[in-house]
Amino acid sequence: MVLPDCHLFPGCLLPLYIFEERYRKMLVESLGTNRIFCIGNKCGDSESDISPCSTAGLVRACVRQDDGTSHLLLLGLQRIRFLDWLQERPYRIARIEPIVSIPGDAARLQQMKDEVLALFAEHGEGATQLRDTLAENDNLELVADVLSYHFTRCPTLQQKLLSEASVERRFETIIEALKKHRPSAK
């Protein structure tokens, strides 16, 4: 499914409303097989301008409406890279490969997690609640992905984070962005 400025990260949920006929067909096929599809991010003016990296998502819930539209929740499973297009109509089908994450040094990642969560807490009460939940999570890659998904709605930054295999560089990018966009002192 190709959407402008839409990114799904592993471990995150993306609500979608399926109304176009081609995506209704895609959803029927997906639900009849492995329940997995990707969101391709349109990154240019042409229909063929699609970012090379995405996330394979699993349809966790789907409610079909009487008019044929559907509401669904897509759970991000795995970063992927589009290799080539096997089909373009009525909807795209791609040959993909997984993007294998590079974890990095555990002690360094823990320090970066602590730093990013402290910075993230400066962004309001909702951010504090999310920070407290993430502080209890030992999966450092998941923490980086959840922060990437929830912190920014900047499509360029999200695509950069989604394309990055190194968990350490993901944390560095998030820290840099949080420092740059600190709320004003009151």
N, C-alpha and C. Protein backbone atom coordinates (compact mmCIF):
# COMPACT_ATOMS: atom_id res chain seq x y z
N MET A 1 0.86 -1.17 0.00
CA MET A 1 0.00 0.00 0.00
C MET A 1 0.91 1.23 0.00
N VAL A 2 0.69 2.16 -0.89
CA VAL A 2 1.53 3.35 -0.99
C VAL A 2 0.76 4.56 -0.46
N LEU A 3 1.34 5.21 0.54
CA LEU A 3 0.73 6.39 1.16
C LEU A 3 1.79 7.48 1.31
N PRO A 4 1.41 8.74 1.18
CA PRO A 4 2.38 9.81 1.40
C PRO A 4 2.62 10.03 2.90
N ASP A 5 3.86 10.25 3.27
CA ASP A 5 4.23 10.63 4.64
C ASP A 5 3.67 9.70 5.70
N CYS A 6 3.69 8.42 5.43
CA CYS A 6 3.18 7.44 6.38
C CYS A 6 4.25 6.38 6.63
N HIS A 7 4.63 6.22 7.89
CA HIS A 7 5.67 5.27 8.25
C HIS A 7 5.18 4.40 9.40
N LEU A 8 5.45 3.12 9.29
CA LEU A 8 5.16 2.16 10.35
C LEU A 8 6.50 1.65 10.86
N PHE A 9 6.64 1.57 12.17
CA PHE A 9 7.86 1.06 12.78
C PHE A 9 7.59 -0.28 13.44
N PRO A 10 8.59 -1.15 13.50
CA PRO A 10 8.42 -2.43 14.19
C PRO A 10 7.96 -2.20 15.64
N GLY A 11 7.01 -2.99 16.07
CA GLY A 11 6.50 -2.90 17.43
C GLY A 11 5.43 -1.85 17.63
N CYS A 12 5.09 -1.12 16.58
CA CYS A 12 4.09 -0.05 16.68
C CYS A 12 2.83 -0.43 15.90
N LEU A 13 1.73 0.20 16.26
CA LEU A 13 0.45 -0.03 15.60
C LEU A 13 0.09 1.17 14.74
N LEU A 14 -0.41 0.89 13.54
CA LEU A 14 -0.86 1.93 12.63
C LEU A 14 -2.31 1.68 12.27
N PRO A 15 -3.22 2.58 12.66
CA PRO A 15 -4.61 2.41 12.24
C PRO A 15 -4.76 2.84 10.77
N LEU A 16 -5.51 2.08 10.01
CA LEU A 16 -5.73 2.39 8.60
C LEU A 16 -7.21 2.27 8.27
N TYR A 17 -7.62 3.09 7.34
CA TYR A 17 -8.98 3.03 6.79
C TYR A 17 -8.84 2.66 5.32
N ILE A 18 -9.33 1.50 4.96
CA ILE A 18 -9.20 1.00 3.58
C ILE A 18 -10.49 1.30 2.84
N PHE A 19 -10.40 2.13 1.81
CA PHE A 19 -11.59 2.49 1.05
C PHE A 19 -11.40 2.34 -0.46
N GLU A 20 -10.16 2.50 -0.96
CA GLU A 20 -9.94 2.36 -2.39
C GLU A 20 -10.13 0.91 -2.81
N GLU A 21 -10.72 0.72 -3.98
CA GLU A 21 -11.02 -0.63 -4.46
C GLU A 21 -9.77 -1.50 -4.57
N ARG A 22 -8.69 -0.93 -5.06
CA ARG A 22 -7.47 -1.73 -5.21
C ARG A 22 -6.95 -2.21 -3.86
N TYR A 23 -7.06 -1.38 -2.83
CA TYR A 23 -6.58 -1.78 -1.51
C TYR A 23 -7.58 -2.70 -0.81
N ARG A 24 -8.85 -2.61 -1.20
CA ARG A 24 -9.82 -3.59 -0.69
C ARG A 24 -9.43 -4.98 -1.20
N LYS A 25 -9.06 -5.06 -2.47
CA LYS A 25 -8.62 -6.34 -3.05
C LYS A 25 -7.35 -6.83 -2.36
N MET A 26 -6.41 -5.91 -2.12
CA MET A 26 -5.17 -6.28 -1.45
C MET A 26 -5.46 -6.83 -0.05
N LEU A 27 -6.38 -6.18 0.66
CA LEU A 27 -6.70 -6.61 2.01
C LEU A 27 -7.34 -8.00 2.01
N VAL A 28 -8.23 -8.25 1.07
CA VAL A 28 -8.84 -9.58 0.97
C VAL A 28 -7.77 -10.64 0.75
N GLU A 29 -6.83 -10.37 -0.16
CA GLU A 29 -5.74 -11.32 -0.41
C GLU A 29 -4.86 -11.50 0.83
N SER A 30 -4.54 -10.40 1.48
CA SER A 30 -3.70 -10.47 2.68
C SER A 30 -4.38 -11.27 3.79
N LEU A 31 -5.64 -10.99 4.03
CA LEU A 31 -6.37 -11.71 5.08
C LEU A 31 -6.54 -13.19 4.75
N GLY A 32 -6.55 -13.52 3.47
CA GLY A 32 -6.69 -14.91 3.05
C GLY A 32 -5.39 -15.68 3.06
N THR A 33 -4.28 -14.98 3.30
CA THR A 33 -2.98 -15.67 3.31
C THR A 33 -2.29 -15.43 4.66
N ASN A 34 -1.25 -14.62 4.67
CA ASN A 34 -0.44 -14.46 5.88
C ASN A 34 -0.76 -13.21 6.70
N ARG A 35 -1.72 -12.40 6.25
CA ARG A 35 -2.16 -11.17 6.94
C ARG A 35 -1.05 -10.09 6.99
N ILE A 36 -0.07 -10.18 6.09
CA ILE A 36 1.06 -9.26 6.11
C ILE A 36 1.08 -8.41 4.84
N PHE A 37 1.34 -7.11 5.03
CA PHE A 37 1.63 -6.23 3.90
C PHE A 37 2.47 -5.06 4.41
N CYS A 38 2.98 -4.27 3.47
CA CYS A 38 3.86 -3.14 3.81
C CYS A 38 3.20 -1.84 3.40
N ILE A 39 3.62 -0.78 4.06
CA ILE A 39 3.24 0.58 3.66
C ILE A 39 4.44 1.16 2.92
N GLY A 40 4.27 1.44 1.66
CA GLY A 40 5.31 2.13 0.90
C GLY A 40 5.10 3.63 1.06
N ASN A 41 6.16 4.35 1.34
CA ASN A 41 6.05 5.79 1.53
C ASN A 41 6.33 6.51 0.22
N LYS A 42 5.32 7.20 -0.29
CA LYS A 42 5.49 8.00 -1.50
C LYS A 42 6.42 9.16 -1.15
N CYS A 43 7.52 9.29 -1.90
CA CYS A 43 8.54 10.29 -1.53
C CYS A 43 8.84 11.27 -2.64
N GLY A 44 8.00 11.36 -3.62
CA GLY A 44 8.23 12.30 -4.71
C GLY A 44 6.94 12.59 -5.44
N ASP A 45 7.06 13.24 -6.58
CA ASP A 45 5.88 13.62 -7.35
C ASP A 45 5.33 12.48 -8.19
N SER A 46 6.20 11.58 -8.60
CA SER A 46 5.80 10.49 -9.48
C SER A 46 5.21 9.33 -8.67
N GLU A 47 4.30 8.60 -9.27
CA GLU A 47 3.70 7.43 -8.64
C GLU A 47 4.75 6.37 -8.31
N SER A 48 5.86 6.38 -9.04
CA SER A 48 6.90 5.38 -8.83
C SER A 48 7.94 5.81 -7.79
N ASP A 49 7.85 7.03 -7.26
CA ASP A 49 8.79 7.50 -6.26
C ASP A 49 8.39 6.98 -4.88
N ILE A 50 8.98 5.84 -4.52
CA ILE A 50 8.67 5.20 -3.25
C ILE A 50 9.97 4.98 -2.49
N SER A 51 9.97 5.34 -1.21
CA SER A 51 11.15 5.13 -0.38
C SER A 51 11.54 3.66 -0.40
N PRO A 52 12.83 3.38 -0.42
CA PRO A 52 13.27 1.99 -0.56
C PRO A 52 13.08 1.13 0.69
N CYS A 53 12.82 1.74 1.85
CA CYS A 53 12.69 0.98 3.09
C CYS A 53 11.31 1.17 3.70
N SER A 54 10.84 0.12 4.34
CA SER A 54 9.53 0.14 4.96
C SER A 54 9.54 -0.87 6.10
N THR A 55 8.36 -1.19 6.58
CA THR A 55 8.18 -2.21 7.61
C THR A 55 7.07 -3.14 7.19
N ALA A 56 7.34 -4.43 7.26
CA ALA A 56 6.28 -5.42 7.03
C ALA A 56 5.37 -5.37 8.24
N GLY A 57 4.07 -5.32 7.99
CA GLY A 57 3.10 -5.22 9.07
C GLY A 57 2.10 -6.36 9.03
N LEU A 58 1.65 -6.76 10.20
CA LEU A 58 0.67 -7.82 10.36
C LEU A 58 -0.67 -7.21 10.71
N VAL A 59 -1.71 -7.60 9.98
CA VAL A 59 -3.06 -7.13 10.29
C VAL A 59 -3.47 -7.79 11.60
N ARG A 60 -3.55 -7.01 12.66
CA ARG A 60 -3.91 -7.53 13.99
C ARG A 60 -5.41 -7.51 14.21
N ALA A 61 -6.08 -6.55 13.62
CA ALA A 61 -7.54 -6.45 13.75
C ALA A 61 -8.07 -5.81 12.49
N CYS A 62 -9.23 -6.27 12.06
CA CYS A 62 -9.85 -5.72 10.86
C CYS A 62 -11.37 -5.80 11.02
N VAL A 63 -12.02 -4.67 10.80
CA VAL A 63 -13.48 -4.61 10.86
C VAL A 63 -13.97 -4.11 9.51
N ARG A 64 -14.72 -4.96 8.81
CA ARG A 64 -15.27 -4.58 7.51
C ARG A 64 -16.62 -3.92 7.71
N GLN A 65 -16.81 -2.82 7.04
CA GLN A 65 -18.06 -2.06 7.12
C GLN A 65 -19.03 -2.54 6.04
N ASP A 66 -20.30 -2.22 6.21
CA ASP A 66 -21.33 -2.62 5.24
C ASP A 66 -21.06 -2.08 3.84
N ASP A 67 -20.37 -0.93 3.74
CA ASP A 67 -20.10 -0.33 2.43
C ASP A 67 -18.84 -0.89 1.76
N GLY A 68 -18.23 -1.90 2.38
CA GLY A 68 -17.04 -2.53 1.80
C GLY A 68 -15.72 -1.95 2.27
N THR A 69 -15.77 -0.82 2.97
CA THR A 69 -14.54 -0.26 3.53
C THR A 69 -14.16 -1.05 4.78
N SER A 70 -12.93 -0.85 5.24
CA SER A 70 -12.47 -1.56 6.43
C SER A 70 -11.62 -0.65 7.30
N HIS A 71 -11.73 -0.87 8.60
CA HIS A 71 -10.84 -0.25 9.57
C HIS A 71 -9.93 -1.36 10.08
N LEU A 72 -8.62 -1.08 10.12
CA LEU A 72 -7.73 -2.12 10.60
C LEU A 72 -6.58 -1.54 11.40
N LEU A 73 -5.95 -2.41 12.16
CA LEU A 73 -4.72 -2.08 12.88
C LEU A 73 -3.61 -2.94 12.31
N LEU A 74 -2.55 -2.29 11.90
CA LEU A 74 -1.39 -2.97 11.34
C LEU A 74 -0.26 -2.89 12.36
N LEU A 75 0.28 -4.03 12.76
CA LEU A 75 1.38 -4.11 13.71
C LEU A 75 2.70 -4.25 12.95
N GLY A 76 3.62 -3.33 13.17
CA GLY A 76 4.93 -3.40 12.52
C GLY A 76 5.73 -4.59 13.03
N LEU A 77 6.24 -5.39 12.08
CA LEU A 77 6.98 -6.60 12.44
C LEU A 77 8.48 -6.48 12.19
N GLN A 78 8.85 -6.08 10.97
CA GLN A 78 10.25 -6.18 10.53
C GLN A 78 10.55 -5.11 9.50
N ARG A 79 11.67 -4.39 9.67
CA ARG A 79 12.13 -3.48 8.63
C ARG A 79 12.43 -4.30 7.38
N ILE A 80 12.09 -3.71 6.23
CA ILE A 80 12.36 -4.39 4.95
C ILE A 80 12.89 -3.38 3.94
N ARG A 81 13.48 -3.91 2.90
CA ARG A 81 13.93 -3.10 1.76
C ARG A 81 13.25 -3.64 0.52
N PHE A 82 12.67 -2.74 -0.26
CA PHE A 82 12.07 -3.14 -1.54
C PHE A 82 13.19 -3.39 -2.54
N LEU A 83 13.19 -4.54 -3.17
CA LEU A 83 14.22 -4.87 -4.16
C LEU A 83 13.75 -4.59 -5.57
N ASP A 84 12.55 -5.03 -5.90
CA ASP A 84 11.96 -4.71 -7.19
C ASP A 84 10.47 -4.98 -7.12
N TRP A 85 9.77 -4.49 -8.16
CA TRP A 85 8.32 -4.60 -8.18
C TRP A 85 7.92 -5.76 -9.08
N LEU A 86 7.18 -6.71 -8.51
CA LEU A 86 6.69 -7.87 -9.25
C LEU A 86 5.35 -7.57 -9.91
N GLN A 87 4.62 -6.62 -9.33
CA GLN A 87 3.30 -6.25 -9.84
C GLN A 87 3.05 -4.80 -9.45
N GLU A 88 2.39 -4.05 -10.35
CA GLU A 88 2.05 -2.66 -10.03
C GLU A 88 0.56 -2.42 -9.99
N ARG A 89 -0.23 -3.23 -10.67
CA ARG A 89 -1.68 -3.04 -10.70
C ARG A 89 -2.38 -4.35 -10.39
N PRO A 90 -3.46 -4.36 -9.69
CA PRO A 90 -4.20 -3.21 -9.16
C PRO A 90 -3.52 -2.59 -7.94
N TYR A 91 -2.63 -3.33 -7.30
CA TYR A 91 -1.84 -2.81 -6.18
C TYR A 91 -0.44 -3.40 -6.32
N ARG A 92 0.51 -2.77 -5.68
CA ARG A 92 1.90 -3.18 -5.82
C ARG A 92 2.21 -4.44 -5.02
N ILE A 93 3.03 -5.27 -5.62
CA ILE A 93 3.63 -6.40 -4.92
C ILE A 93 5.13 -6.31 -5.19
N ALA A 94 5.90 -6.39 -4.13
CA ALA A 94 7.35 -6.21 -4.25
C ALA A 94 8.08 -7.46 -3.79
N ARG A 95 9.26 -7.62 -4.34
CA ARG A 95 10.22 -8.58 -3.79
C ARG A 95 10.98 -7.78 -2.74
N ILE A 96 11.11 -8.34 -1.54
CA ILE A 96 11.71 -7.61 -0.43
C ILE A 96 12.81 -8.44 0.22
N GLU A 97 13.61 -7.76 1.04
CA GLU A 97 14.55 -8.44 1.91
C GLU A 97 14.47 -7.78 3.27
N PRO A 98 14.72 -8.55 4.34
CA PRO A 98 14.71 -7.93 5.67
C PRO A 98 15.92 -7.03 5.85
N ILE A 99 15.75 -6.00 6.63
CA ILE A 99 16.87 -5.18 7.06
C ILE A 99 17.25 -5.70 8.44
N VAL A 100 18.41 -6.28 8.53
CA VAL A 100 18.86 -6.86 9.79
C VAL A 100 19.46 -5.75 10.65
N SER A 101 18.95 -5.62 11.85
CA SER A 101 19.43 -4.58 12.76
C SER A 101 20.80 -4.93 13.31
N ILE A 102 21.58 -3.88 13.49
CA ILE A 102 22.91 -4.00 14.10
C ILE A 102 22.75 -3.46 15.52
N PRO A 103 22.80 -4.34 16.52
CA PRO A 103 22.47 -3.91 17.88
C PRO A 103 23.46 -2.94 18.51
N GLY A 104 24.75 -3.18 18.42
CA GLY A 104 25.73 -2.32 19.06
C GLY A 104 26.04 -2.77 20.48
N ASP A 105 26.83 -1.97 21.18
CA ASP A 105 27.25 -2.26 22.54
C ASP A 105 26.08 -2.06 23.51
N ALA A 106 25.75 -3.09 24.29
CA ALA A 106 24.59 -3.05 25.17
C ALA A 106 24.69 -1.95 26.23
N ALA A 107 25.88 -1.79 26.83
CA ALA A 107 26.05 -0.76 27.86
C ALA A 107 25.88 0.64 27.27
N ARG A 108 26.45 0.86 26.10
CA ARG A 108 26.32 2.17 25.42
C ARG A 108 24.86 2.42 25.05
N LEU A 109 24.17 1.40 24.55
CA LEU A 109 22.77 1.56 24.18
C LEU A 109 21.91 1.87 25.41
N GLN A 110 22.21 1.24 26.53
CA GLN A 110 21.46 1.53 27.76
C GLN A 110 21.63 2.98 28.18
N GLN A 111 22.87 3.50 28.08
CA GLN A 111 23.13 4.91 28.39
C GLN A 111 22.33 5.81 27.46
N MET A 112 22.32 5.46 26.16
CA MET A 112 21.59 6.27 25.19
C MET A 112 20.09 6.20 25.46
N LYS A 113 19.60 5.04 25.83
CA LYS A 113 18.18 4.90 26.18
C LYS A 113 17.85 5.83 27.34
N ASP A 114 18.67 5.82 28.39
CA ASP A 114 18.43 6.67 29.55
C ASP A 114 18.43 8.15 29.15
N GLU A 115 19.39 8.53 28.29
CA GLU A 115 19.47 9.92 27.85
C GLU A 115 18.24 10.32 27.03
N VAL A 116 17.87 9.47 26.10
CA VAL A 116 16.73 9.82 25.24
C VAL A 116 15.43 9.86 26.05
N LEU A 117 15.29 8.99 27.03
CA LEU A 117 14.07 9.01 27.84
C LEU A 117 14.02 10.25 28.73
N ALA A 118 15.16 10.70 29.23
CA ALA A 118 15.20 11.94 30.01
C ALA A 118 14.83 13.13 29.13
N LEU A 119 15.36 13.18 27.92
CA LEU A 119 15.02 14.26 26.99
C LEU A 119 13.55 14.19 26.59
N PHE A 120 13.08 12.99 26.34
CA PHE A 120 11.70 12.80 25.89
C PHE A 120 10.71 13.26 26.95
N ALA A 121 11.05 13.11 28.22
CA ALA A 121 10.16 13.51 29.31
C ALA A 121 9.91 15.01 29.33
N GLU A 122 10.80 15.78 28.72
CA GLU A 122 10.62 17.24 28.67
C GLU A 122 9.49 17.65 27.74
N HIS A 123 8.93 16.71 27.00
CA HIS A 123 7.93 17.04 25.98
C HIS A 123 6.49 16.88 26.45
N GLY A 124 6.24 17.02 27.75
CA GLY A 124 4.87 17.05 28.24
C GLY A 124 4.49 15.81 29.03
N GLU A 125 3.33 15.87 29.67
CA GLU A 125 2.85 14.80 30.53
C GLU A 125 2.66 13.49 29.78
N GLY A 126 2.10 13.54 28.59
CA GLY A 126 1.93 12.32 27.80
C GLY A 126 3.27 11.68 27.51
N ALA A 127 4.26 12.50 27.25
CA ALA A 127 5.60 11.98 27.00
C ALA A 127 6.17 11.33 28.25
N THR A 128 5.87 11.89 29.43
CA THR A 128 6.35 11.31 30.68
C THR A 128 5.77 9.93 30.90
N GLN A 129 4.49 9.77 30.60
CA GLN A 129 3.85 8.46 30.76
C GLN A 129 4.46 7.44 29.81
N LEU A 130 4.69 7.83 28.57
CA LEU A 130 5.32 6.93 27.61
C LEU A 130 6.75 6.60 28.06
N ARG A 131 7.45 7.61 28.54
CA ARG A 131 8.81 7.39 29.02
C ARG A 131 8.84 6.37 30.16
N ASP A 132 7.92 6.50 31.10
CA ASP A 132 7.88 5.57 32.23
C ASP A 132 7.63 4.14 31.76
N THR A 133 6.77 3.98 30.78
CA THR A 133 6.49 2.65 30.23
C THR A 133 7.72 2.09 29.53
N LEU A 134 8.37 2.92 28.72
CA LEU A 134 9.55 2.47 27.98
C LEU A 134 10.75 2.22 28.90
N ALA A 135 10.83 2.94 30.01
CA ALA A 135 11.94 2.75 30.94
C ALA A 135 11.97 1.33 31.49
N GLU A 136 10.81 0.71 31.58
CA GLU A 136 10.72 -0.66 32.09
C GLU A 136 11.02 -1.71 31.03
N ASN A 137 11.14 -1.30 29.78
CA ASN A 137 11.34 -2.24 28.68
C ASN A 137 12.83 -2.45 28.42
N ASP A 138 13.25 -3.71 28.42
CA ASP A 138 14.66 -4.04 28.19
C ASP A 138 15.03 -4.22 26.73
N ASN A 139 14.05 -4.19 25.84
CA ASN A 139 14.31 -4.36 24.41
C ASN A 139 14.70 -2.98 23.84
N LEU A 140 15.99 -2.72 23.76
CA LEU A 140 16.48 -1.39 23.38
C LEU A 140 16.08 -1.01 21.96
N GLU A 141 16.07 -1.97 21.06
CA GLU A 141 15.66 -1.68 19.69
C GLU A 141 14.19 -1.26 19.65
N LEU A 142 13.35 -1.97 20.40
CA LEU A 142 11.93 -1.61 20.45
C LEU A 142 11.75 -0.21 21.03
N VAL A 143 12.49 0.12 22.06
CA VAL A 143 12.40 1.46 22.65
C VAL A 143 12.74 2.52 21.60
N ALA A 144 13.81 2.30 20.85
CA ALA A 144 14.20 3.26 19.80
C ALA A 144 13.09 3.38 18.75
N ASP A 145 12.49 2.26 18.37
CA ASP A 145 11.45 2.30 17.34
C ASP A 145 10.17 2.98 17.84
N VAL A 146 9.78 2.70 19.06
CA VAL A 146 8.57 3.34 19.61
C VAL A 146 8.78 4.84 19.71
N LEU A 147 9.95 5.26 20.16
CA LEU A 147 10.24 6.70 20.23
C LEU A 147 10.28 7.32 18.83
N SER A 148 10.84 6.59 17.87
CA SER A 148 10.89 7.09 16.50
C SER A 148 9.48 7.31 15.95
N TYR A 149 8.60 6.41 16.26
CA TYR A 149 7.23 6.47 15.75
C TYR A 149 6.42 7.56 16.45
N HIS A 150 6.57 7.66 17.77
CA HIS A 150 5.71 8.56 18.53
C HIS A 150 6.27 9.97 18.70
N PHE A 151 7.59 10.12 18.59
CA PHE A 151 8.17 11.43 18.84
C PHE A 151 7.95 12.40 17.70
N THR A 152 8.17 11.95 16.50
CA THR A 152 8.18 12.91 15.40
C THR A 152 7.17 12.55 14.33
N ARG A 153 6.66 13.55 13.73
CA ARG A 153 5.80 13.37 12.56
C ARG A 153 6.50 13.96 11.33
N CYS A 154 7.80 14.18 11.45
CA CYS A 154 8.59 14.68 10.33
C CYS A 154 8.89 13.50 9.41
N PRO A 155 8.28 13.44 8.21
CA PRO A 155 8.47 12.30 7.32
C PRO A 155 9.93 12.03 6.95
N THR A 156 10.72 13.08 6.76
CA THR A 156 12.12 12.89 6.39
C THR A 156 12.89 12.21 7.52
N LEU A 157 12.67 12.67 8.74
CA LEU A 157 13.34 12.07 9.90
C LEU A 157 12.84 10.64 10.12
N GLN A 158 11.55 10.42 9.98
CA GLN A 158 11.03 9.07 10.16
C GLN A 158 11.62 8.11 9.13
N GLN A 159 11.74 8.56 7.88
CA GLN A 159 12.31 7.69 6.85
C GLN A 159 13.78 7.41 7.15
N LYS A 160 14.49 8.41 7.64
CA LYS A 160 15.89 8.21 8.01
C LYS A 160 16.01 7.17 9.12
N LEU A 161 15.17 7.28 10.13
CA LEU A 161 15.18 6.32 11.25
C LEU A 161 14.76 4.94 10.79
N LEU A 162 13.79 4.86 9.91
CA LEU A 162 13.32 3.58 9.42
C LEU A 162 14.37 2.89 8.57
N SER A 163 15.15 3.65 7.84
CA SER A 163 16.17 3.10 6.94
C SER A 163 17.45 2.69 7.67
N GLU A 164 17.61 3.12 8.90
CA GLU A 164 18.86 2.90 9.64
C GLU A 164 18.91 1.50 10.26
N ALA A 165 19.92 0.73 9.91
CA ALA A 165 20.09 -0.61 10.48
C ALA A 165 20.70 -0.56 11.88
N SER A 166 21.55 0.41 12.16
CA SER A 166 22.23 0.49 13.44
C SER A 166 21.31 1.06 14.53
N VAL A 167 21.08 0.28 15.57
CA VAL A 167 20.26 0.75 16.69
C VAL A 167 20.94 1.93 17.38
N GLU A 168 22.25 1.90 17.48
CA GLU A 168 22.99 3.00 18.10
C GLU A 168 22.78 4.30 17.31
N ARG A 169 22.86 4.23 15.99
CA ARG A 169 22.66 5.44 15.18
C ARG A 169 21.20 5.92 15.26
N ARG A 170 20.26 4.99 15.43
CA ARG A 170 18.87 5.41 15.63
C ARG A 170 18.76 6.25 16.89
N PHE A 171 19.36 5.75 17.99
CA PHE A 171 19.33 6.51 19.24
C PHE A 171 20.02 7.86 19.07
N GLU A 172 21.17 7.90 18.40
CA GLU A 172 21.87 9.17 18.19
C GLU A 172 20.99 10.16 17.44
N THR A 173 20.29 9.68 16.42
CA THR A 173 19.41 10.56 15.63
C THR A 173 18.26 11.08 16.47
N ILE A 174 17.68 10.22 17.29
CA ILE A 174 16.56 10.64 18.15
C ILE A 174 17.05 11.66 19.17
N ILE A 175 18.20 11.41 19.78
CA ILE A 175 18.76 12.33 20.78
C ILE A 175 19.00 13.70 20.14
N GLU A 176 19.60 13.70 18.97
CA GLU A 176 19.87 14.96 18.27
C GLU A 176 18.57 15.71 17.98
N ALA A 177 17.55 15.00 17.53
CA ALA A 177 16.27 15.64 17.22
C ALA A 177 15.59 16.16 18.49
N LEU A 178 15.64 15.40 19.57
CA LEU A 178 15.03 15.85 20.82
C LEU A 178 15.73 17.09 21.36
N LYS A 179 17.05 17.13 21.26
CA LYS A 179 17.79 18.31 21.71
C LYS A 179 17.45 19.53 20.86
N LYS A 180 17.31 19.30 19.57
CA LYS A 180 17.01 20.40 18.64
C LYS A 180 15.60 20.97 18.86
N HIS A 181 14.68 20.11 19.27
CA HIS A 181 13.28 20.53 19.40
C HIS A 181 12.81 20.54 20.86
N ARG A 182 13.72 20.90 21.75
CA ARG A 182 13.34 20.99 23.17
C ARG A 182 12.27 22.05 23.34
N PRO A 183 11.28 21.75 24.21
CA PRO A 183 10.27 22.78 24.49
C PRO A 183 10.92 23.98 25.19
N SER A 184 10.37 25.16 24.97
CA SER A 184 10.91 26.37 25.59
C SER A 184 10.73 26.28 27.11
N ALA A 185 11.69 26.81 27.82
CA ALA A 185 11.58 26.86 29.29
C ALA A 185 10.50 27.88 29.65
N LYS A 186 9.71 27.50 30.65
CA LYS A 186 8.60 28.40 31.03
C LYS A 186 8.90 29.12 32.31
